[in-house]
C-alpha atoms as a PDB file:
ATOM      1  CA  MET A   1       0.000   0.000   0.000  1.00  0.00           C
ATOM      2  CA  ILE A   2       1.167   3.534  -0.756  1.00  0.00           C
ATOM      3  CA  SER A   3      -0.001   6.800   0.799  1.00  0.00           C
ATOM      4  CA  PHE A   4       0.182  10.411  -0.397  1.00  0.00           C
ATOM      5  CA  GLY A   5      -0.373  13.560   1.616  1.00  0.00           C
ATOM      6  CA  GLN A   6       0.736  17.154   1.874  1.00  0.00           C
ATOM      7  CA  ILE A   7       2.805  19.048   4.390  1.00  0.00           C
ATOM      8  CA  ILE A   8       2.271  22.794   4.199  1.00  0.00           C
ATOM      9  CA  GLY A   9       2.864  25.871   6.312  1.00  0.00           C
ATOM     10  CA  ASP A  10       5.821  27.545   7.989  1.00  0.00           C
ATOM     11  CA  GLY A  11       6.897  24.351   9.727  1.00  0.00           C
ATOM     12  CA  ALA A  12       6.781  22.183   6.606  1.00  0.00           C
ATOM     13  CA  SER A  13      10.556  21.681   6.340  1.00  0.00           C
ATOM     14  CA  ALA A  14      10.881  20.690   9.989  1.00  0.00           C
ATOM     15  CA  ALA A  15       7.885  18.358   9.734  1.00  0.00           C
ATOM     16  CA  LEU A  16       9.341  16.690   6.650  1.00  0.00           C
ATOM     17  CA  ALA A  17      12.711  16.291   8.400  1.00  0.00           C
ATOM     18  CA  ALA A  18      10.953  14.256  11.075  1.00  0.00           C
ATOM     19  CA  PHE A  19      10.106  11.681   8.418  1.00  0.00           C
ATOM     20  CA  ILE A  20      13.276  12.004   6.315  1.00  0.00           C
ATOM     21  CA  PRO A  21      16.152  13.187   8.539  1.00  0.00           C
ATOM     22  CA  ALA A  22      19.015  15.331   7.240  1.00  0.00           C
ATOM     23  CA  PRO A  23      21.031  15.128   5.111  1.00  0.00           C
ATOM     24  CA  ALA A  24      18.474  13.196   3.044  1.00  0.00           C
ATOM     25  CA  THR A  25      15.635  15.678   3.667  1.00  0.00           C
ATOM     26  CA  PRO A  26      14.444  16.864   0.232  1.00  0.00           C
ATOM     27  CA  SER A  27      14.017  20.543  -0.491  1.00  0.00           C
ATOM     28  CA  LEU A  28      10.482  21.867  -0.881  1.00  0.00           C
ATOM     29  CA  PRO A  29       8.288  21.559  -2.796  1.00  0.00           C
ATOM     30  CA  ALA A  30       8.655  17.773  -2.867  1.00  0.00           C
ATOM     31  CA  TYR A  31       6.505  14.934  -4.184  1.00  0.00           C
ATOM     32  CA  ILE A  32       7.110  11.787  -2.138  1.00  0.00           C
ATOM     33  CA  ALA A  33       5.670   8.284  -2.102  1.00  0.00           C
ATOM     34  CA  PHE A  34       5.774   6.548   1.297  1.00  0.00           C
ATOM     35  CA  ARG A  35       5.410   2.776   1.540  1.00  0.00           C
ATOM     36  CA  SER A  36       6.431   3.180   5.172  1.00  0.00           C
ATOM     37  CA  VAL A  37       8.307   5.857   7.115  1.00  0.00           C
ATOM     38  CA  ALA A  38      11.588   4.134   6.303  1.00  0.00           C
ATOM     39  CA  ASP A  39      10.691   3.181   2.725  1.00  0.00           C
ATOM     40  CA  HIS A  40       9.986   6.166   0.496  1.00  0.00           C
ATOM     41  CA  THR A  41      10.825   7.550  -2.931  1.00  0.00           C
ATOM     42  CA  VAL A  42      11.206  11.215  -3.862  1.00  0.00           C
ATOM     43  CA  TYR A  43      10.003  12.251  -7.306  1.00  0.00           C
ATOM     44  CA  ASP A  44      12.809  13.829  -9.353  1.00  0.00           C
ATOM     45  CA  GLY A  45      11.081  14.403 -12.682  1.00  0.00           C
ATOM     46  CA  PRO A  46       9.498  17.491 -14.243  1.00  0.00           C
ATOM     47  CA  TRP A  47       6.531  19.027 -12.434  1.00  0.00           C
ATOM     48  CA  GLU A  48       4.015  18.053 -15.086  1.00  0.00           C
ATOM     49  CA  ALA A  49       0.688  16.568 -13.996  1.00  0.00           C
ATOM     50  CA  ARG A  50       0.702  13.652 -16.465  1.00  0.00           C
ATOM     51  CA  LYS A  51       4.248  12.581 -15.616  1.00  0.00           C
ATOM     52  CA  MET A  52       3.619  12.919 -11.894  1.00  0.00           C
ATOM     53  CA  HIS A  53       0.411  10.875 -12.090  1.00  0.00           C
ATOM     54  CA  SER A  54       2.229   8.178 -14.078  1.00  0.00           C
ATOM     55  CA  TRP A  55       5.074   8.136 -11.537  1.00  0.00           C
ATOM     56  CA  ALA A  56       2.596   7.795  -8.669  1.00  0.00           C
ATOM     57  CA  ALA A  57       0.819   4.946 -10.460  1.00  0.00           C
ATOM     58  CA  VAL A  58       4.095   3.041 -10.882  1.00  0.00           C
ATOM     59  CA  GLU A  59       4.984   3.666  -7.227  1.00  0.00           C
ATOM     60  CA  SER A  60       1.644   2.207  -6.172  1.00  0.00           C
ATOM     61  CA  LEU A  61       2.488  -1.097  -7.876  1.00  0.00           C
ATOM     62  CA  PRO A  62       4.849  -3.820  -6.643  1.00  0.00           C
ATOM     63  CA  PRO A  63       8.114  -4.232  -8.613  1.00  0.00           C
ATOM     64  CA  MET A  64       6.651  -7.407 -10.109  1.00  0.00           C
ATOM     65  CA  GLY A  65       3.050  -8.217  -9.367  1.00  0.00           C
ATOM     66  CA  ASP A  66       0.160 -10.196 -10.830  1.00  0.00           C
ATOM     67  CA  ILE A  67      -2.446  -8.676 -13.100  1.00  0.00           C
ATOM     68  CA  THR A  68      -5.976  -8.566 -11.676  1.00  0.00           C
ATOM     69  CA  ASP A  69      -9.254  -7.000 -12.708  1.00  0.00           C
ATOM     70  CA  GLU A  70      -8.656  -4.362 -10.022  1.00  0.00           C
ATOM     71  CA  ASN A  71      -5.133  -3.249 -10.972  1.00  0.00           C
ATOM     72  CA  ALA A  72      -5.145  -3.697 -14.763  1.00  0.00           C
ATOM     73  CA  GLY A  73      -6.212  -0.086 -15.302  1.00  0.00           C
ATOM     74  CA  VAL A  74      -3.311   1.192 -13.192  1.00  0.00           C
ATOM     75  CA  TYR A  75      -0.750  -0.567 -15.386  1.00  0.00           C
ATOM     76  CA  LEU A  76      -2.396   0.771 -18.538  1.00  0.00           C
ATOM     77  CA  ARG A  77      -2.564   4.354 -17.214  1.00  0.00           C
ATOM     78  CA  THR A  78       1.198   4.718 -16.764  1.00  0.00           C
ATOM     79  CA  ASP A  79       3.458   6.309 -19.352  1.00  0.00           C
ATOM     80  CA  VAL A  80       5.953   3.441 -19.246  1.00  0.00           C
ATOM     81  CA  PRO A  81       5.956   0.177 -21.220  1.00  0.00           C
ATOM     82  CA  VAL A  82       4.789  -3.010 -19.516  1.00  0.00           C
ATOM     83  CA  LEU A  83       6.571  -6.366 -19.626  1.00  0.00           C
ATOM     84  CA  TRP A  84       4.041  -9.186 -19.364  1.00  0.00           C
ATOM     85  CA  LEU A  85       5.137 -12.655 -18.292  1.00  0.00           C
ATOM     86  CA  ALA A  86       2.414 -15.017 -19.516  1.00  0.00           C
ATOM     87  CA  MET A  87       2.276 -17.922 -17.061  1.00  0.00           C
ATOM     88  CA  ASP A  88       0.425 -21.207 -17.516  1.00  0.00           C
ATOM     89  CA  GLY A  89       0.766 -22.520 -13.969  1.00  0.00           C
ATOM     90  CA  SER A  90       3.711 -24.772 -14.790  1.00  0.00           C
ATOM     91  CA  ALA A  91       6.888 -25.180 -12.765  1.00  0.00           C
ATOM     92  CA  GLU A  92       8.771 -23.749 -15.742  1.00  0.00           C
ATOM     93  CA  ALA A  93       6.671 -20.575 -15.565  1.00  0.00           C
ATOM     94  CA  ALA A  94       7.344 -20.210 -11.843  1.00  0.00           C
ATOM     95  CA  ALA A  95      11.085 -20.629 -12.503  1.00  0.00           C
ATOM     96  CA  ALA A  96      10.945 -17.969 -15.233  1.00  0.00           C
ATOM     97  CA  ARG A  97       9.309 -15.565 -12.807  1.00  0.00           C
ATOM     98  CA  ARG A  98      12.008 -16.130 -10.187  1.00  0.00           C
ATOM     99  CA  GLU A  99      14.648 -15.634 -12.866  1.00  0.00           C
ATOM    100  CA  ILE A 100      13.466 -12.230 -14.101  1.00  0.00           C
ATOM    101  CA  ALA A 101      11.869 -10.790 -10.936  1.00  0.00           C
ATOM    102  CA  PRO A 102      15.120  -9.030  -9.818  1.00  0.00           C
ATOM    103  CA  LEU A 103      15.107  -7.071 -13.097  1.00  0.00           C
ATOM    104  CA  ALA A 104      11.842  -5.371 -12.112  1.00  0.00           C
ATOM    105  CA  ALA A 105      13.624  -3.168  -9.579  1.00  0.00           C
ATOM    106  CA  VAL A 106      16.414  -2.382 -12.072  1.00  0.00           C
ATOM    107  CA  TYR A 107      13.981  -1.036 -14.678  1.00  0.00           C
ATOM    108  CA  ARG A 108      11.430   0.563 -12.328  1.00  0.00           C
ATOM    109  CA  HIS A 109       9.933   3.717 -13.898  1.00  0.00           C
ATOM    110  CA  LYS A 110      11.359   2.656 -17.273  1.00  0.00           C
ATOM    111  CA  LEU A 111       9.336  -0.537 -17.576  1.00  0.00           C
ATOM    112  CA  SER A 112       6.747  -2.251 -15.361  1.00  0.00           C
ATOM    113  CA  PHE A 113       6.911  -6.029 -14.850  1.00  0.00           C
ATOM    114  CA  VAL A 114       3.714  -8.026 -14.316  1.00  0.00           C
ATOM    115  CA  ALA A 115       2.667 -11.678 -14.523  1.00  0.00           C
ATOM    116  CA  ILE A 116      -0.542 -12.644 -16.315  1.00  0.00           C
ATOM    117  CA  ASP A 117      -2.293 -16.008 -15.965  1.00  0.00           C
ATOM    118  CA  THR A 118      -2.976 -17.572 -19.362  1.00  0.00           C
ATOM    119  CA  ASN A 119      -6.027 -19.457 -18.092  1.00  0.00           C
ATOM    120  CA  THR A 120      -7.748 -16.513 -16.372  1.00  0.00           C
ATOM    121  CA  TYR A 121      -6.867 -13.986 -19.083  1.00  0.00           C
ATOM    122  CA  HIS A 122      -6.763 -16.168 -22.187  1.00  0.00           C
ATOM    123  CA  GLY A 123      -8.292 -13.476 -24.415  1.00  0.00           C
ATOM    124  CA  PRO A 124      -5.873 -10.638 -23.547  1.00  0.00           C
ATOM    125  CA  VAL A 125      -2.898 -13.026 -23.795  1.00  0.00           C
ATOM    126  CA  GLU A 126      -4.016 -14.184 -27.240  1.00  0.00           C
ATOM    127  CA  HIS A 127      -4.389 -10.543 -28.333  1.00  0.00           C
ATOM    128  CA  MET A 128      -0.948  -9.522 -27.052  1.00  0.00           C
ATOM    129  CA  MET A 129       0.820 -12.642 -28.308  1.00  0.00           C
ATOM    130  CA  PRO A 130      -0.851 -13.693 -31.565  1.00  0.00           C
ATOM    131  CA  GLY A 131       0.330 -17.113 -32.636  1.00  0.00           C
ATOM    132  CA  VAL A 132       2.167 -17.832 -29.380  1.00  0.00           C
ATOM    133  CA  THR A 133       1.173 -21.245 -28.053  1.00  0.00           C
ATOM    134  CA  ILE A 134       4.147 -22.198 -25.867  1.00  0.00           C
ATOM    135  CA  PHE A 135       4.295 -20.739 -22.367  1.00  0.00           C
ATOM    136  CA  PRO A 136       5.765 -19.156 -20.349  1.00  0.00           C
ATOM    137  CA  ALA A 137       6.268 -16.273 -22.785  1.00  0.00           C
ATOM    138  CA  VAL A 138       7.264 -12.630 -22.572  1.00  0.00           C
ATOM    139  CA  VAL A 139       5.811  -9.605 -24.386  1.00  0.00           C
ATOM    140  CA  ILE A 140       6.384  -5.878 -23.928  1.00  0.00           C
ATOM    141  CA  THR A 141       3.587  -3.434 -24.749  1.00  0.00           C
ATOM    142  CA  THR A 142       4.075   0.322 -25.003  1.00  0.00           C
ATOM    143  CA  PRO A 143       1.817   3.360 -24.534  1.00  0.00           C
ATOM    144  CA  GLN A 144       2.119   3.784 -28.316  1.00  0.00           C
ATOM    145  CA  VAL A 145       0.310   0.422 -28.703  1.00  0.00           C
ATOM    146  CA  HIS A 146       3.370  -1.385 -30.037  1.00  0.00           C
ATOM    147  CA  ARG A 147       4.136  -4.904 -28.856  1.00  0.00           C
ATOM    148  CA  TYR A 148       7.381  -6.842 -28.793  1.00  0.00           C
ATOM    149  CA  VAL A 149       7.365 -10.607 -28.278  1.00  0.00           C
ATOM    150  CA  LEU A 150      10.482 -12.354 -26.987  1.00  0.00           C
ATOM    151  CA  PRO A 151      11.284 -14.953 -29.680  1.00  0.00           C
ATOM    152  CA  ALA A 152      10.278 -18.492 -28.729  1.00  0.00           C
ATOM    153  CA  ASN A 153      13.839 -19.711 -29.323  1.00  0.00           C
ATOM    154  CA  LYS A 154      15.094 -17.415 -26.548  1.00  0.00           C
ATOM    155  CA  GLU A 155      15.037 -18.991 -23.114  1.00  0.00           C
ATOM    156  CA  ILE A 156      13.534 -16.767 -20.406  1.00  0.00           C
ATOM    157  CA  THR A 157      16.701 -15.998 -18.478  1.00  0.00           C
ATOM    158  CA  ALA A 158      17.756 -12.770 -16.763  1.00  0.00           C
ATOM    159  CA  ALA A 159      20.434 -12.190 -19.408  1.00  0.00           C
ATOM    160  CA  ASN A 160      18.119 -12.782 -22.379  1.00  0.00           C
ATOM    161  CA  VAL A 161      15.312 -10.657 -20.935  1.00  0.00           C
ATOM    162  CA  ARG A 162      17.711  -7.841 -20.016  1.00  0.00           C
ATOM    163  CA  ALA A 163      19.061  -7.783 -23.592  1.00  0.00           C
ATOM    164  CA  PHE A 164      15.493  -7.868 -24.930  1.00  0.00           C
ATOM    165  CA  VAL A 165      14.348  -5.003 -22.684  1.00  0.00           C
ATOM    166  CA  ASP A 166      17.401  -2.892 -23.545  1.00  0.00           C
ATOM    167  CA  GLY A 167      16.773  -3.463 -27.245  1.00  0.00           C
ATOM    168  CA  VAL A 168      13.122  -2.416 -26.969  1.00  0.00           C
ATOM    169  CA  LEU A 169      13.909   0.685 -24.906  1.00  0.00           C
ATOM    170  CA  SER A 170      16.728   1.750 -27.241  1.00  0.00           C
ATOM    171  CA  GLY A 171      14.659   1.176 -30.376  1.00  0.00           C
ATOM    172  CA  THR A 172      16.992  -1.437 -31.867  1.00  0.00           C
ATOM    173  CA  ILE A 173      14.308  -4.146 -31.752  1.00  0.00           C
ATOM    174  CA  GLU A 174      11.389  -3.783 -34.158  1.00  0.00           C
ATOM    175  CA  PRO A 175       7.795  -4.269 -32.948  1.00  0.00           C
ATOM    176  CA  THR A 176       6.183  -7.657 -33.481  1.00  0.00           C
ATOM    177  CA  LEU A 177       3.500  -7.401 -36.140  1.00  0.00           C
ATOM    178  CA  ARG A 178       0.566  -9.635 -36.959  1.00  0.00           C
ATOM    179  CA  SER A 179       1.641 -10.695 -40.429  1.00  0.00           C
ATOM    180  CA  GLN A 180       1.461 -13.330 -43.106  1.00  0.00           C
ATOM    181  CA  PRO A 181       4.853 -14.753 -44.132  1.00  0.00           C
ATOM    182  CA  LYS A 182       6.921 -12.652 -46.509  1.00  0.00           C
ATOM    183  CA  PRO A 183       6.570 -14.106 -50.051  1.00  0.00           C
ATOM    184  CA  ALA A 184       9.512 -16.338 -50.952  1.00  0.00           C
ATOM    185  CA  ARG A 185       9.573 -14.795 -54.446  1.00  0.00           C
ATOM    186  CA  ASP A 186       8.015 -11.482 -55.426  1.00  0.00           C
ATOM    187  CA  ASP A 187       9.473 -10.537 -58.810  1.00  0.00           C
ATOM    188  CA  ALA A 188       6.298  -9.148 -60.400  1.00  0.00           C
ATOM    189  CA  PRO A 189       5.947  -5.375 -60.972  1.00  0.00           C
ATOM    190  CA  VAL A 190       3.072  -5.345 -58.465  1.00  0.00           C
ATOM    191  CA  LYS A 191       4.479  -6.404 -55.097  1.00  0.00           C
ATOM    192  CA  THR A 192       2.771  -8.237 -52.273  1.00  0.00           C
ATOM    193  CA  ILE A 193       3.016  -6.380 -48.959  1.00  0.00           C
ATOM    194  CA  VAL A 194       2.517  -8.131 -45.632  1.00  0.00           C
ATOM    195  CA  GLY A 195       2.617  -6.760 -42.118  1.00  0.00           C
ATOM    196  CA  SER A 196       6.324  -7.411 -41.598  1.00  0.00           C
ATOM    197  CA  THR A 197       7.291  -5.641 -44.858  1.00  0.00           C
ATOM    198  CA  TRP A 198       4.949  -2.628 -44.536  1.00  0.00           C
ATOM    199  CA  LYS A 199       7.571  -0.290 -43.088  1.00  0.00           C
ATOM    200  CA  GLU A 200      10.231  -1.255 -45.624  1.00  0.00           C
ATOM    201  CA  MET A 201       7.995  -1.162 -48.715  1.00  0.00           C
ATOM    202  CA  VAL A 202       5.658   1.710 -47.832  1.00  0.00           C
ATOM    203  CA  ILE A 203       6.795   3.939 -44.947  1.00  0.00           C
ATOM    204  CA  ASP A 204      10.524   4.004 -45.761  1.00  0.00           C
ATOM    205  CA  TYR A 205      10.250   3.578 -49.546  1.00  0.00           C
ATOM    206  CA  ASN A 206      11.909   6.455 -51.439  1.00  0.00           C
ATOM    207  CA  ASP A 207       9.133   6.970 -53.977  1.00  0.00           C
ATOM    208  CA  ASP A 208       5.352   7.265 -54.124  1.00  0.00           C
ATOM    209  CA  VAL A 209       3.469   4.057 -53.369  1.00  0.00           C
ATOM    210  CA  VAL A 210      -0.134   3.091 -54.212  1.00  0.00           C
ATOM    211  CA  VAL A 211      -1.476   0.314 -51.987  1.00  0.00           C
ATOM    212  CA  LEU A 212      -4.498  -1.883 -52.707  1.00  0.00           C
ATOM    213  CA  PHE A 213      -5.864  -3.471 -49.537  1.00  0.00           C
ATOM    214  CA  THR A 214      -7.529  -6.862 -49.797  1.00  0.00           C
ATOM    215  CA  ALA A 215      -9.019  -9.215 -47.205  1.00  0.00           C
ATOM    216  CA  ASP A 216     -10.014 -12.849 -47.313  1.00  0.00           C
END
């Protein structure tokens, strides 16, 4: 549980020092999240309402928790990406959670870590991880509605997940797209575009492009 309050008036600095003794007492004004008197975090970002609300939402969550109907909205209201560990109740899934849980504190306020049960939330898992049938699995979703799925051939280890997270945050890993396979041969003047080739053949193409959309 996390609590927020305000300390105002001429004795504000002295009152705050009673909770956070010098030399750690922050200067005023200060925005502070208290989990207990001894366990607190001082906000050090810009004084912008949206960023402060997002920071407070992240502070209200455990470093790595479990998604529930009650807290799902909190995760989705933050301005940071979310790493979802899809768990199927197996011993392997529990081991994967123990393996990556320490990373949650490392990336706090850059990325939120949460476990999601594949049986309880089958629909959301299927939406976030189209085509994924082997669990446990990892996906990162962003406020920009991009998703990045850790490849199935990558074991869920701290090292692999750290490299994956760093690649997503730095922009060196491309989003995972719902896509048909890229055609093995496409030599005709009119090309076939699929989800995975859209950026290359349309967005980044150095000439005008006319696209005909079809659906089965």
